[in-house]
Each structure stands twice: as C-alpha cells, then as structure tokens.
C-alpha cells in the first residue's frame, strides 16, 4: 500500500499558523479555509504533547504511517533538498514504539467532505 498526503497537505509539517494564507490560485486556499485551518491547527496542537521529545511533527507523522505493516511507502511533498534528506532519515529510523502509536491513534480524524471537495 502507498500512503498519500502523510503531512495532511502541510498541516503536519509543523510550520502552519493561524496567519497562514495561500494564494487564491492554490487549491489549499479552499482546503484550509479559515474555519478548517482553525480546526486543523487545534488538532495539531493536541498531537504535540504525544510526540517524543527527540522527534518533530513531520517525523512523527511519517513514522506513524510507516509503522503500519501494510504500508510499503508514503508520498510526502518535498520542496527542498533538505526535506528529501530528512524524509530518507525517517524511513531508516523504523517504526514508532507501541505506546506512541497507541497515543497517536487516539487522534484519528475522519473529516467530513466539504462542498468544495466534491
């Protein structure tokens, strides 16, 4: 299985804030409408205490996905060579421990489709 969008279009990249804006021509301007951005960031904040101190948010997200034995790879967007190096290092780090996996699973979010996503 190939897992797509492991960083939730950037929300799990650790850099979005309530002031994040996308150009109108970027589809994320609709995806992260003010209401959805607020809800998304609130959920991301709840994740942070669960993540081990020696790990950042994108690494935790990628390792969470790669910890699933049915997933053979994931497709993460990368804009800089440093992102590529970081993601390769994550894939070599192995799965998360069972306690962290269990804690993260409690944060599952089944989103309701929005009118713009039809």
PDB file of N, CA and C in Angstrom:
ATOM      1  N   UNK A   1       0.836  -1.167   0.000  1.00  0.00           N
ATOM      2  CA  UNK A   1       0.000   0.000   0.000  1.00  0.00           C
ATOM      3  C   UNK A   1       0.888   1.239   0.000  1.00  0.00           C
ATOM      4  N   UNK A   2       0.461   2.234  -0.753  1.00  0.00           N
ATOM      5  CA  UNK A   2       1.139   3.526  -0.796  1.00  0.00           C
ATOM      6  C   UNK A   2       0.249   4.534  -0.068  1.00  0.00           C
ATOM      7  N   UNK A   3       0.788   5.174   0.957  1.00  0.00           N
ATOM      8  CA  UNK A   3       0.030   6.171   1.717  1.00  0.00           C
ATOM      9  C   UNK A   3       0.288   7.556   1.129  1.00  0.00           C
ATOM     10  N   UNK A   4      -0.781   8.242   0.777  1.00  0.00           N
ATOM     11  CA  UNK A   4      -0.681   9.586   0.204  1.00  0.00           C
ATOM     12  C   UNK A   4      -0.877  10.643   1.273  1.00  0.00           C
ATOM     13  N   UNK A   5      -0.316  11.795   1.040  1.00  0.00           N
ATOM     14  CA  UNK A   5      -0.524  13.009   1.823  1.00  0.00           C
ATOM     15  C   UNK A   5      -0.286  12.782   3.320  1.00  0.00           C
ATOM     16  N   UNK A   6       0.866  12.261   3.679  1.00  0.00           N
ATOM     17  CA  UNK A   6       1.120  11.936   5.088  1.00  0.00           C
ATOM     18  C   UNK A   6       1.220  13.152   6.004  1.00  0.00           C
ATOM     19  N   UNK A   7       1.454  14.318   5.430  1.00  0.00           N
ATOM     20  CA  UNK A   7       1.570  15.529   6.251  1.00  0.00           C
ATOM     21  C   UNK A   7       0.322  16.403   6.138  1.00  0.00           C
ATOM     22  N   UNK A   8      -0.780  15.808   5.719  1.00  0.00           N
ATOM     23  CA  UNK A   8      -2.068  16.496   5.601  1.00  0.00           C
ATOM     24  C   UNK A   8      -1.933  17.834   4.900  1.00  0.00           C
ATOM     25  N   UNK A   9      -1.427  17.798   3.703  1.00  0.00           N
ATOM     26  CA  UNK A   9      -1.283  18.997   2.863  1.00  0.00           C
ATOM     27  C   UNK A   9      -0.455  20.084   3.539  1.00  0.00           C
ATOM     28  N   UNK A  10       0.366  19.691   4.516  1.00  0.00           N
ATOM     29  CA  UNK A  10       1.254  20.641   5.177  1.00  0.00           C
ATOM     30  C   UNK A  10       0.924  20.901   6.628  1.00  0.00           C
ATOM     31  N   UNK A  11      -0.274  20.546   7.079  1.00  0.00           N
ATOM     32  CA  UNK A  11      -0.626  20.865   8.463  1.00  0.00           C
ATOM     33  C   UNK A  11       0.237  20.105   9.472  1.00  0.00           C
ATOM     34  N   UNK A  12       0.757  18.953   9.080  1.00  0.00           N
ATOM     35  CA  UNK A  12       1.636  18.194   9.977  1.00  0.00           C
ATOM     36  C   UNK A  12       3.110  18.470   9.686  1.00  0.00           C
ATOM     37  N   UNK A  13       3.362  19.492   8.912  1.00  0.00           N
ATOM     38  CA  UNK A  13       4.735  19.906   8.630  1.00  0.00           C
ATOM     39  C   UNK A  13       5.318  20.765   9.740  1.00  0.00           C
ATOM     40  N   UNK A  14       4.463  21.242  10.624  1.00  0.00           N
ATOM     41  CA  UNK A  14       4.924  21.996  11.775  1.00  0.00           C
ATOM     42  C   UNK A  14       5.131  23.485  11.555  1.00  0.00           C
ATOM     43  N   UNK A  15       4.755  24.002  10.392  1.00  0.00           N
ATOM     44  CA  UNK A  15       5.021  25.416  10.110  1.00  0.00           C
ATOM     45  C   UNK A  15       3.766  26.261   9.939  1.00  0.00           C
ATOM     46  N   UNK A  16       2.608  25.656   9.865  1.00  0.00           N
ATOM     47  CA  UNK A  16       1.385  26.426   9.674  1.00  0.00           C
ATOM     48  C   UNK A  16       0.996  27.136  10.970  1.00  0.00           C
ATOM     49  N   UNK A  17       0.423  28.311  10.796  1.00  0.00           N
ATOM     50  CA  UNK A  17      -0.094  29.076  11.921  1.00  0.00           C
ATOM     51  C   UNK A  17      -1.467  29.606  11.544  1.00  0.00           C
ATOM     52  N   UNK A  18      -2.116  30.259  12.482  1.00  0.00           N
ATOM     53  CA  UNK A  18      -3.423  30.852  12.204  1.00  0.00           C
ATOM     54  C   UNK A  18      -3.327  31.945  11.142  1.00  0.00           C
ATOM     55  N   UNK A  19      -2.131  32.450  10.908  1.00  0.00           N
ATOM     56  CA  UNK A  19      -1.931  33.503   9.907  1.00  0.00           C
ATOM     57  C   UNK A  19      -1.534  32.954   8.538  1.00  0.00           C
ATOM     58  N   UNK A  20      -1.411  31.641   8.413  1.00  0.00           N
ATOM     59  CA  UNK A  20      -1.031  31.037   7.136  1.00  0.00           C
ATOM     60  C   UNK A  20      -2.103  31.338   6.088  1.00  0.00           C
ATOM     61  N   UNK A  21      -1.662  31.829   4.963  1.00  0.00           N
ATOM     62  CA  UNK A  21      -2.552  32.133   3.830  1.00  0.00           C
ATOM     63  C   UNK A  21      -1.934  31.552   2.565  1.00  0.00           C
ATOM     64  N   UNK A  22      -2.777  31.062   1.692  1.00  0.00           N
ATOM     65  CA  UNK A  22      -2.340  30.548   0.405  1.00  0.00           C
ATOM     66  C   UNK A  22      -2.908  31.434  -0.685  1.00  0.00           C
ATOM     67  N   UNK A  23      -2.182  31.578  -1.793  1.00  0.00           N
ATOM     68  CA  UNK A  23      -2.729  32.361  -2.906  1.00  0.00           C
ATOM     69  C   UNK A  23      -4.057  31.767  -3.357  1.00  0.00           C
ATOM     70  N   UNK A  24      -4.942  32.601  -3.843  1.00  0.00           N
ATOM     71  CA  UNK A  24      -6.256  32.140  -4.290  1.00  0.00           C
ATOM     72  C   UNK A  24      -6.141  31.052  -5.356  1.00  0.00           C
ATOM     73  N   UNK A  25      -5.079  31.101  -6.156  1.00  0.00           N
ATOM     74  CA  UNK A  25      -4.886  30.104  -7.213  1.00  0.00           C
ATOM     75  C   UNK A  25      -4.416  28.749  -6.661  1.00  0.00           C
ATOM     76  N   UNK A  26      -4.026  28.689  -5.408  1.00  0.00           N
ATOM     77  CA  UNK A  26      -3.575  27.457  -4.761  1.00  0.00           C
ATOM     78  C   UNK A  26      -4.798  26.785  -4.137  1.00  0.00           C
ATOM     79  N   UNK A  27      -5.082  25.538  -4.500  1.00  0.00           N
ATOM     80  CA  UNK A  27      -6.274  24.843  -4.014  1.00  0.00           C
ATOM     81  C   UNK A  27      -6.319  24.767  -2.494  1.00  0.00           C
ATOM     82  N   UNK A  28      -5.148  24.878  -1.842  1.00  0.00           N
ATOM     83  CA  UNK A  28      -5.136  24.836  -0.368  1.00  0.00           C
ATOM     84  C   UNK A  28      -5.824  26.057   0.243  1.00  0.00           C
ATOM     85  N   UNK A  29      -6.000  27.117  -0.537  1.00  0.00           N
ATOM     86  CA  UNK A  29      -6.725  28.278  -0.015  1.00  0.00           C
ATOM     87  C   UNK A  29      -8.176  27.907   0.302  1.00  0.00           C
ATOM     88  N   UNK A  30      -8.699  26.912  -0.402  1.00  0.00           N
ATOM     89  CA  UNK A  30     -10.050  26.406  -0.097  1.00  0.00           C
ATOM     90  C   UNK A  30      -9.977  25.313   0.965  1.00  0.00           C
ATOM     91  N   UNK A  31      -9.027  24.415   0.822  1.00  0.00           N
ATOM     92  CA  UNK A  31      -8.867  23.313   1.784  1.00  0.00           C
ATOM     93  C   UNK A  31      -8.670  23.864   3.183  1.00  0.00           C
ATOM     94  N   UNK A  32      -7.791  24.839   3.315  1.00  0.00           N
ATOM     95  CA  UNK A  32      -7.534  25.461   4.602  1.00  0.00           C
ATOM     96  C   UNK A  32      -8.276  26.787   4.701  1.00  0.00           C
ATOM     97  N   UNK A  33      -9.581  26.713   4.493  1.00  0.00           N
ATOM     98  CA  UNK A  33     -10.423  27.888   4.718  1.00  0.00           C
ATOM     99  C   UNK A  33     -10.213  28.317   6.168  1.00  0.00           C
ATOM    100  N   UNK A  34     -10.545  29.535   6.527  1.00  0.00           N
ATOM    101  CA  UNK A  34     -10.304  29.967   7.907  1.00  0.00           C
ATOM    102  C   UNK A  34     -10.863  28.998   8.951  1.00  0.00           C
ATOM    103  N   UNK A  35     -12.076  28.482   8.719  1.00  0.00           N
ATOM    104  CA  UNK A  35     -12.678  27.558   9.687  1.00  0.00           C
ATOM    105  C   UNK A  35     -11.907  26.238   9.752  1.00  0.00           C
ATOM    106  N   UNK A  36     -11.580  25.680   8.583  1.00  0.00           N
ATOM    107  CA  UNK A  36     -10.858  24.410   8.567  1.00  0.00           C
ATOM    108  C   UNK A  36      -9.432  24.576   9.094  1.00  0.00           C
ATOM    109  N   UNK A  37      -8.787  25.684   8.800  1.00  0.00           N
ATOM    110  CA  UNK A  37      -7.434  25.921   9.314  1.00  0.00           C
ATOM    111  C   UNK A  37      -7.461  25.974  10.833  1.00  0.00           C
ATOM    112  N   UNK A  38      -8.423  26.667  11.387  1.00  0.00           N
ATOM    113  CA  UNK A  38      -8.536  26.774  12.849  1.00  0.00           C
ATOM    114  C   UNK A  38      -8.729  25.396  13.485  1.00  0.00           C
ATOM    115  N   UNK A  39      -9.640  24.611  12.943  1.00  0.00           N
ATOM    116  CA  UNK A  39      -9.894  23.263  13.472  1.00  0.00           C
ATOM    117  C   UNK A  39      -8.658  22.373  13.320  1.00  0.00           C
ATOM    118  N   UNK A  40      -8.005  22.478  12.179  1.00  0.00           N
ATOM    119  CA  UNK A  40      -6.814  21.666  11.910  1.00  0.00           C
ATOM    120  C   UNK A  40      -5.703  22.009  12.885  1.00  0.00           C
ATOM    121  N   UNK A  41      -5.427  23.279  13.065  1.00  0.00           N
ATOM    122  CA  UNK A  41      -4.352  23.696  13.971  1.00  0.00           C
ATOM    123  C   UNK A  41      -4.647  23.296  15.417  1.00  0.00           C
ATOM    124  N   UNK A  42      -5.904  23.338  15.812  1.00  0.00           N
ATOM    125  CA  UNK A  42      -6.271  22.905  17.162  1.00  0.00           C
ATOM    126  C   UNK A  42      -5.961  21.427  17.354  1.00  0.00           C
ATOM    127  N   UNK A  43      -6.238  20.635  16.345  1.00  0.00           N
ATOM    128  CA  UNK A  43      -5.956  19.198  16.436  1.00  0.00           C
ATOM    129  C   UNK A  43      -4.453  18.933  16.437  1.00  0.00           C
ATOM    130  N   UNK A  44      -3.720  19.692  15.633  1.00  0.00           N
ATOM    131  CA  UNK A  44      -2.259  19.546  15.593  1.00  0.00           C
ATOM    132  C   UNK A  44      -1.668  19.874  16.964  1.00  0.00           C
ATOM    133  N   UNK A  45      -2.163  20.908  17.601  1.00  0.00           N
ATOM    134  CA  UNK A  45      -1.657  21.282  18.931  1.00  0.00           C
ATOM    135  C   UNK A  45      -1.873  20.168  19.943  1.00  0.00           C
ATOM    136  N   UNK A  46      -2.986  19.449  19.830  1.00  0.00           N
ATOM    137  CA  UNK A  46      -3.272  18.331  20.739  1.00  0.00           C
ATOM    138  C   UNK A  46      -2.327  17.160  20.509  1.00  0.00           C
ATOM    139  N   UNK A  47      -1.775  17.055  19.304  1.00  0.00           N
ATOM    140  CA  UNK A  47      -0.826  15.979  18.989  1.00  0.00           C
ATOM    141  C   UNK A  47       0.540  16.208  19.625  1.00  0.00           C
ATOM    142  N   UNK A  48       0.952  17.444  19.693  1.00  0.00           N
ATOM    143  CA  UNK A  48       2.327  17.779  20.086  1.00  0.00           C
ATOM    144  C   UNK A  48       2.771  17.165  21.414  1.00  0.00           C
ATOM    145  N   UNK A  49       1.944  17.152  22.464  1.00  0.00           N
ATOM    146  CA  UNK A  49       2.399  16.542  23.720  1.00  0.00           C
ATOM    147  C   UNK A  49       2.629  15.028  23.645  1.00  0.00           C
ATOM    148  N   UNK A  50       2.043  14.390  22.652  1.00  0.00           N
ATOM    149  CA  UNK A  50       2.163  12.934  22.499  1.00  0.00           C
ATOM    150  C   UNK A  50       3.473  12.550  21.807  1.00  0.00           C
ATOM    151  N   UNK A  51       4.021  13.481  21.048  1.00  0.00           N
ATOM    152  CA  UNK A  51       5.216  13.188  20.250  1.00  0.00           C
ATOM    153  C   UNK A  51       6.454  13.169  21.142  1.00  0.00           C
ATOM    154  N   UNK A  52       7.285  12.149  21.011  1.00  0.00           N
ATOM    155  CA  UNK A  52       8.511  12.082  21.823  1.00  0.00           C
ATOM    156  C   UNK A  52       9.362  13.340  21.665  1.00  0.00           C
ATOM    157  N   UNK A  53      10.035  13.719  22.722  1.00  0.00           N
ATOM    158  CA  UNK A  53      10.825  14.964  22.759  1.00  0.00           C
ATOM    159  C   UNK A  53      11.918  15.008  21.691  1.00  0.00           C
ATOM    160  N   UNK A  54      12.437  13.869  21.291  1.00  0.00           N
ATOM    161  CA  UNK A  54      13.531  13.829  20.314  1.00  0.00           C
ATOM    162  C   UNK A  54      13.036  13.763  18.865  1.00  0.00           C
ATOM    163  N   UNK A  55      11.755  14.079  18.654  1.00  0.00           N
ATOM    164  CA  UNK A  55      11.150  13.925  17.333  1.00  0.00           C
ATOM    165  C   UNK A  55      10.340  15.175  16.994  1.00  0.00           C
ATOM    166  N   UNK A  56      10.348  15.565  15.718  1.00  0.00           N
ATOM    167  CA  UNK A  56       9.500  16.683  15.320  1.00  0.00           C
ATOM    168  C   UNK A  56       8.188  16.153  14.727  1.00  0.00           C
ATOM    169  N   UNK A  57       7.275  17.054  14.482  1.00  0.00           N
ATOM    170  CA  UNK A  57       5.948  16.688  13.996  1.00  0.00           C
ATOM    171  C   UNK A  57       5.973  15.939  12.662  1.00  0.00           C
ATOM    172  N   UNK A  58       6.712  16.433  11.642  1.00  0.00           N
ATOM    173  CA  UNK A  58       6.719  15.682  10.378  1.00  0.00           C
ATOM    174  C   UNK A  58       7.314  14.283  10.531  1.00  0.00           C
ATOM    175  N   UNK A  59       8.363  14.152  11.322  1.00  0.00           N
ATOM    176  CA  UNK A  59       8.952  12.827  11.525  1.00  0.00           C
ATOM    177  C   UNK A  59       7.948  11.897  12.190  1.00  0.00           C
ATOM    178  N   UNK A  60       7.255  12.390  13.194  1.00  0.00           N
ATOM    179  CA  UNK A  60       6.254  11.557  13.873  1.00  0.00           C
ATOM    180  C   UNK A  60       5.153  11.129  12.906  1.00  0.00           C
ATOM    181  N   UNK A  61       4.691  12.049  12.064  1.00  0.00           N
ATOM    182  CA  UNK A  61       3.631  11.719  11.105  1.00  0.00           C
ATOM    183  C   UNK A  61       4.092  10.645  10.124  1.00  0.00           C
ATOM    184  N   UNK A  62       5.278  10.821   9.586  1.00  0.00           N
ATOM    185  CA  UNK A  62       5.801   9.836   8.627  1.00  0.00           C
ATOM    186  C   UNK A  62       6.054   8.488   9.290  1.00  0.00           C
ATOM    187  N   UNK A  63       6.645   8.504  10.468  1.00  0.00           N
ATOM    188  CA  UNK A  63       6.910   7.236  11.160  1.00  0.00           C
ATOM    189  C   UNK A  63       5.618   6.551  11.585  1.00  0.00           C
ATOM    190  N   UNK A  64       4.609   7.332  11.927  1.00  0.00           N
ATOM    191  CA  UNK A  64       3.312   6.748  12.265  1.00  0.00           C
ATOM    192  C   UNK A  64       2.772   5.956  11.079  1.00  0.00           C
ATOM    193  N   UNK A  65       2.791   6.567   9.919  1.00  0.00           N
ATOM    194  CA  UNK A  65       2.282   5.904   8.718  1.00  0.00           C
ATOM    195  C   UNK A  65       3.128   4.680   8.363  1.00  0.00           C
ATOM    196  N   UNK A  66       4.439   4.842   8.426  1.00  0.00           N
ATOM    197  CA  UNK A  66       5.325   3.735   8.058  1.00  0.00           C
ATOM    198  C   UNK A  66       5.345   2.624   9.106  1.00  0.00           C
ATOM    199  N   UNK A  67       4.772   2.883  10.284  1.00  0.00           N
ATOM    200  CA  UNK A  67       4.675   1.841  11.316  1.00  0.00           C
ATOM    201  C   UNK A  67       3.586   0.826  10.991  1.00  0.00           C
ATOM    202  N   UNK A  68       2.691   1.188  10.086  1.00  0.00           N
ATOM    203  CA  UNK A  68       1.636   0.266   9.673  1.00  0.00           C
ATOM    204  C   UNK A  68       2.262  -0.775   8.749  1.00  0.00           C
ATOM    205  N   UNK A  69       2.204  -2.047   9.115  1.00  0.00           N
ATOM    206  CA  UNK A  69       2.869  -3.077   8.302  1.00  0.00           C
ATOM    207  C   UNK A  69       2.311  -3.232   6.889  1.00  0.00           C
ATOM    208  N   UNK A  70       1.111  -2.725   6.636  1.00  0.00           N
ATOM    209  CA  UNK A  70       0.557  -2.833   5.279  1.00  0.00           C
ATOM    210  C   UNK A  70       1.056  -1.722   4.364  1.00  0.00           C
ATOM    211  N   UNK A  71       1.700  -0.703   4.927  1.00  0.00           N
ATOM    212  CA  UNK A  71       2.204   0.423   4.142  1.00  0.00           C
ATOM    213  C   UNK A  71       3.646   0.145   3.735  1.00  0.00           C
ATOM    214  N   UNK A  72       3.893   0.183   2.432  1.00  0.00           N
ATOM    215  CA  UNK A  72       5.253  -0.050   1.959  1.00  0.00           C
ATOM    216  C   UNK A  72       5.988   1.249   1.680  1.00  0.00           C
ATOM    217  N   UNK A  73       5.225   2.310   1.401  1.00  0.00           N
ATOM    218  CA  UNK A  73       5.846   3.618   1.159  1.00  0.00           C
ATOM    219  C   UNK A  73       4.796   4.704   1.334  1.00  0.00           C
ATOM    220  N   UNK A  74       5.269   5.925   1.422  1.00  0.00           N
ATOM    221  CA  UNK A  74       4.369   7.067   1.508  1.00  0.00           C
ATOM    222  C   UNK A  74       4.883   8.159   0.588  1.00  0.00           C
ATOM    223  N   UNK A  75       3.971   8.964   0.108  1.00  0.00           N
ATOM    224  CA  UNK A  75       4.334  10.040  -0.811  1.00  0.00           C
ATOM    225  C   UNK A  75       4.204  11.361  -0.058  1.00  0.00           C
ATOM    226  N   UNK A  76       5.326  11.898   0.318  1.00  0.00           N
ATOM    227  CA  UNK A  76       5.347  13.180   1.036  1.00  0.00           C
ATOM    228  C   UNK A  76       5.835  14.267   0.087  1.00  0.00           C
ATOM    229  N   UNK A  77       5.172  15.403   0.123  1.00  0.00           N
ATOM    230  CA  UNK A  77       5.628  16.534  -0.683  1.00  0.00           C
ATOM    231  C   UNK A  77       6.935  17.074  -0.121  1.00  0.00           C
ATOM    232  N   UNK A  78       7.862  17.386  -1.005  1.00  0.00           N
ATOM    233  CA  UNK A  78       9.168  17.899  -0.575  1.00  0.00           C
ATOM    234  C   UNK A  78       9.545  19.046  -1.494  1.00  0.00           C
ATOM    235  N   UNK A  79       9.807  20.203  -0.897  1.00  0.00           N
ATOM    236  CA  UNK A  79      10.134  21.388  -1.686  1.00  0.00           C
ATOM    237  C   UNK A  79      11.617  21.718  -1.684  1.00  0.00           C
ATOM    238  N   UNK A  80      12.361  21.129  -0.766  1.00  0.00           N
ATOM    239  CA  UNK A  80      13.782  21.456  -0.636  1.00  0.00           C
ATOM    240  C   UNK A  80      14.601  20.174  -0.508  1.00  0.00           C
ATOM    241  N   UNK A  81      15.846  20.203  -0.964  1.00  0.00           N
ATOM    242  CA  UNK A  81      16.699  19.011  -0.807  1.00  0.00           C
ATOM    243  C   UNK A  81      16.799  18.564   0.656  1.00  0.00           C
ATOM    244  N   UNK A  82      16.759  19.499   1.582  1.00  0.00           N
ATOM    245  CA  UNK A  82      16.833  19.124   2.996  1.00  0.00           C
ATOM    246  C   UNK A  82      15.627  18.285   3.417  1.00  0.00           C
ATOM    247  N   UNK A  83      14.463  18.564   2.833  1.00  0.00           N
ATOM    248  CA  UNK A  83      13.279  17.750   3.119  1.00  0.00           C
ATOM    249  C   UNK A  83      13.497  16.310   2.664  1.00  0.00           C
ATOM    250  N   UNK A  84      14.114  16.155   1.514  1.00  0.00           N
ATOM    251  CA  UNK A  84      14.399  14.811   0.991  1.00  0.00           C
ATOM    252  C   UNK A  84      15.313  14.070   1.962  1.00  0.00           C
ATOM    253  N   UNK A  85      16.380  14.729   2.402  1.00  0.00           N
ATOM    254  CA  UNK A  85      17.320  14.092   3.343  1.00  0.00           C
ATOM    255  C   UNK A  85      16.617  13.721   4.649  1.00  0.00           C
ATOM    256  N   UNK A  86      15.790  14.618   5.159  1.00  0.00           N
ATOM    257  CA  UNK A  86      15.076  14.339   6.413  1.00  0.00           C
ATOM    258  C   UNK A  86      14.124  13.152   6.254  1.00  0.00           C
ATOM    259  N   UNK A  87      13.416  13.114   5.138  1.00  0.00           N
ATOM    260  CA  UNK A  87      12.464  12.029   4.926  1.00  0.00           C
ATOM    261  C   UNK A  87      13.152  10.686   4.745  1.00  0.00           C
ATOM    262  N   UNK A  88      14.292  10.681   4.104  1.00  0.00           N
ATOM    263  CA  UNK A  88      15.058   9.432   3.965  1.00  0.00           C
ATOM    264  C   UNK A  88      15.502   8.951   5.346  1.00  0.00           C
ATOM    265  N   UNK A  89      15.960   9.877   6.173  1.00  0.00           N
ATOM    266  CA  UNK A  89      16.382   9.511   7.532  1.00  0.00           C
ATOM    267  C   UNK A  89      15.216   8.939   8.329  1.00  0.00           C
ATOM    268  N   UNK A  90      14.041   9.499   8.143  1.00  0.00           N
ATOM    269  CA  UNK A  90      12.854   8.992   8.843  1.00  0.00           C
ATOM    270  C   UNK A  90      12.572   7.560   8.430  1.00  0.00           C
ATOM    271  N   UNK A  91      12.660   7.274   7.153  1.00  0.00           N
ATOM    272  CA  UNK A  91      12.364   5.914   6.695  1.00  0.00           C
ATOM    273  C   UNK A  91      13.354   4.907   7.259  1.00  0.00           C
ATOM    274  N   UNK A  92      14.554   5.359   7.561  1.00  0.00           N
ATOM    275  CA  UNK A  92      15.560   4.466   8.139  1.00  0.00           C
ATOM    276  C   UNK A  92      15.417   4.317   9.645  1.00  0.00           C
ATOM    277  N   UNK A  93      14.616   5.174  10.280  1.00  0.00           N
ATOM    278  CA  UNK A  93      14.501   5.178  11.744  1.00  0.00           C
ATOM    279  C   UNK A  93      13.646   4.031  12.277  1.00  0.00           C
ATOM    280  N   UNK A  94      12.822   3.461  11.440  1.00  0.00           N
ATOM    281  CA  UNK A  94      11.989   2.351  11.882  1.00  0.00           C
ATOM    282  C   UNK A  94      10.665   2.804  12.473  1.00  0.00           C
ATOM    283  N   UNK A  95       9.845   1.834  12.872  1.00  0.00           N
ATOM    284  CA  UNK A  95       8.511   2.156  13.380  1.00  0.00           C
ATOM    285  C   UNK A  95       8.567   2.837  14.753  1.00  0.00           C
ATOM    286  N   UNK A  96       7.487   3.508  15.087  1.00  0.00           N
ATOM    287  CA  UNK A  96       7.345   4.095  16.415  1.00  0.00           C
ATOM    288  C   UNK A  96       7.090   2.988  17.427  1.00  0.00           C
ATOM    289  N   UNK A  97       7.391   3.263  18.692  1.00  0.00           N
ATOM    290  CA  UNK A  97       7.116   2.227  19.691  1.00  0.00           C
ATOM    291  C   UNK A  97       5.608   2.139  19.934  1.00  0.00           C
ATOM    292  N   UNK A  98       5.195   1.041  20.510  1.00  0.00           N
ATOM    293  CA  UNK A  98       3.767   0.734  20.663  1.00  0.00           C
ATOM    294  C   UNK A  98       3.028   1.782  21.491  1.00  0.00           C
ATOM    295  N   UNK A  99       3.658   2.314  22.520  1.00  0.00           N
ATOM    296  CA  UNK A  99       2.993   3.317  23.357  1.00  0.00           C
ATOM    297  C   UNK A  99       2.697   4.593  22.575  1.00  0.00           C
ATOM    298  N   UNK A 100       3.660   5.042  21.777  1.00  0.00           N
ATOM    299  CA  UNK A 100       3.465   6.253  20.978  1.00  0.00           C
ATOM    300  C   UNK A 100       2.394   5.993  19.914  1.00  0.00           C
ATOM    301  N   UNK A 101       2.445   4.845  19.274  1.00  0.00           N
ATOM    302  CA  UNK A 101       1.429   4.511  18.265  1.00  0.00           C
ATOM    303  C   UNK A 101       0.030   4.534  18.871  1.00  0.00           C
ATOM    304  N   UNK A 102      -0.115   3.940  20.028  1.00  0.00           N
ATOM    305  CA  UNK A 102      -1.419   3.894  20.687  1.00  0.00           C
ATOM    306  C   UNK A 102      -1.907   5.305  21.030  1.00  0.00           C
ATOM    307  N   UNK A 103      -1.014   6.138  21.527  1.00  0.00           N
ATOM    308  CA  UNK A 103      -1.387   7.517  21.871  1.00  0.00           C
ATOM    309  C   UNK A 103      -1.786   8.306  20.623  1.00  0.00           C
ATOM    310  N   UNK A 104      -1.053   8.132  19.534  1.00  0.00           N
ATOM    311  CA  UNK A 104      -1.360   8.855  18.308  1.00  0.00           C
ATOM    312  C   UNK A 104      -2.672   8.383  17.677  1.00  0.00           C
ATOM    313  N   UNK A 105      -2.966   7.111  17.794  1.00  0.00           N
ATOM    314  CA  UNK A 105      -4.204   6.578  17.202  1.00  0.00           C
ATOM    315  C   UNK A 105      -5.446   7.247  17.796  1.00  0.00           C
ATOM    316  N   UNK A 106      -5.341   7.717  19.007  1.00  0.00           N
ATOM    317  CA  UNK A 106      -6.474   8.388  19.662  1.00  0.00           C
ATOM    318  C   UNK A 106      -6.812   9.715  18.985  1.00  0.00           C
ATOM    319  N   UNK A 107      -5.919  10.203  18.132  1.00  0.00           N
ATOM    320  CA  UNK A 107      -6.122  11.487  17.466  1.00  0.00           C
ATOM    321  C   UNK A 107      -6.640  11.343  16.036  1.00  0.00           C
ATOM    322  N   UNK A 108      -7.080  10.163  15.675  1.00  0.00           N
ATOM    323  CA  UNK A 108      -7.621   9.942  14.331  1.00  0.00           C
ATOM    324  C   UNK A 108      -8.722  10.955  14.036  1.00  0.00           C
ATOM    325  N   UNK A 109      -8.733  11.465  12.820  1.00  0.00           N
ATOM    326  CA  UNK A 109      -9.712  12.474  12.431  1.00  0.00           C
ATOM    327  C   UNK A 109     -10.335  12.076  11.114  1.00  0.00           C
ATOM    328  N   UNK A 110     -11.572  11.651  11.158  1.00  0.00           N
ATOM    329  CA  UNK A 110     -12.316  11.350   9.938  1.00  0.00           C
ATOM    330  C   UNK A 110     -13.034  12.627   9.543  1.00  0.00           C
ATOM    331  N   UNK A 111     -12.523  13.283   8.525  1.00  0.00           N
ATOM    332  CA  UNK A 111     -13.095  14.566   8.114  1.00  0.00           C
ATOM    333  C   UNK A 111     -14.374  14.382   7.318  1.00  0.00           C
ATOM    334  N   UNK A 112     -15.255  15.324   7.481  1.00  0.00           N
ATOM    335  CA  UNK A 112     -16.486  15.363   6.714  1.00  0.00           C
ATOM    336  C   UNK A 112     -16.207  16.090   5.410  1.00  0.00           C
ATOM    337  N   UNK A 113     -16.539  15.483   4.262  1.00  0.00           N
ATOM    338  CA  UNK A 113     -16.312  16.176   2.991  1.00  0.00           C
ATOM    339  C   UNK A 113     -17.011  17.532   2.977  1.00  0.00           C
ATOM    340  N   UNK A 114     -16.361  18.483   2.364  1.00  0.00           N
ATOM    341  CA  UNK A 114     -16.870  19.843   2.254  1.00  0.00           C
ATOM    342  C   UNK A 114     -17.405  20.067   0.839  1.00  0.00           C
ATOM    343  N   UNK A 115     -18.281  21.053   0.651  1.00  0.00           N
ATOM    344  CA  UNK A 115     -18.856  21.294  -0.687  1.00  0.00           C
ATOM    345  C   UNK A 115     -17.786  21.522  -1.769  1.00  0.00           C
ATOM    346  N   UNK A 116     -16.680  22.158  -1.431  1.00  0.00           N
ATOM    347  CA  UNK A 116     -15.653  22.434  -2.434  1.00  0.00           C
ATOM    348  C   UNK A 116     -14.868  21.186  -2.838  1.00  0.00           C
ATOM    349  N   UNK A 117     -15.000  20.096  -2.050  1.00  0.00           N
ATOM    350  CA  UNK A 117     -14.204  18.897  -2.348  1.00  0.00           C
ATOM    351  C   UNK A 117     -14.942  17.905  -3.237  1.00  0.00           C
ATOM    352  N   UNK A 118     -16.150  18.218  -3.625  1.00  0.00           N
ATOM    353  CA  UNK A 118     -16.917  17.293  -4.495  1.00  0.00           C
ATOM    354  C   UNK A 118     -16.300  17.145  -5.851  1.00  0.00           C
TER     355      UNK A 118
END
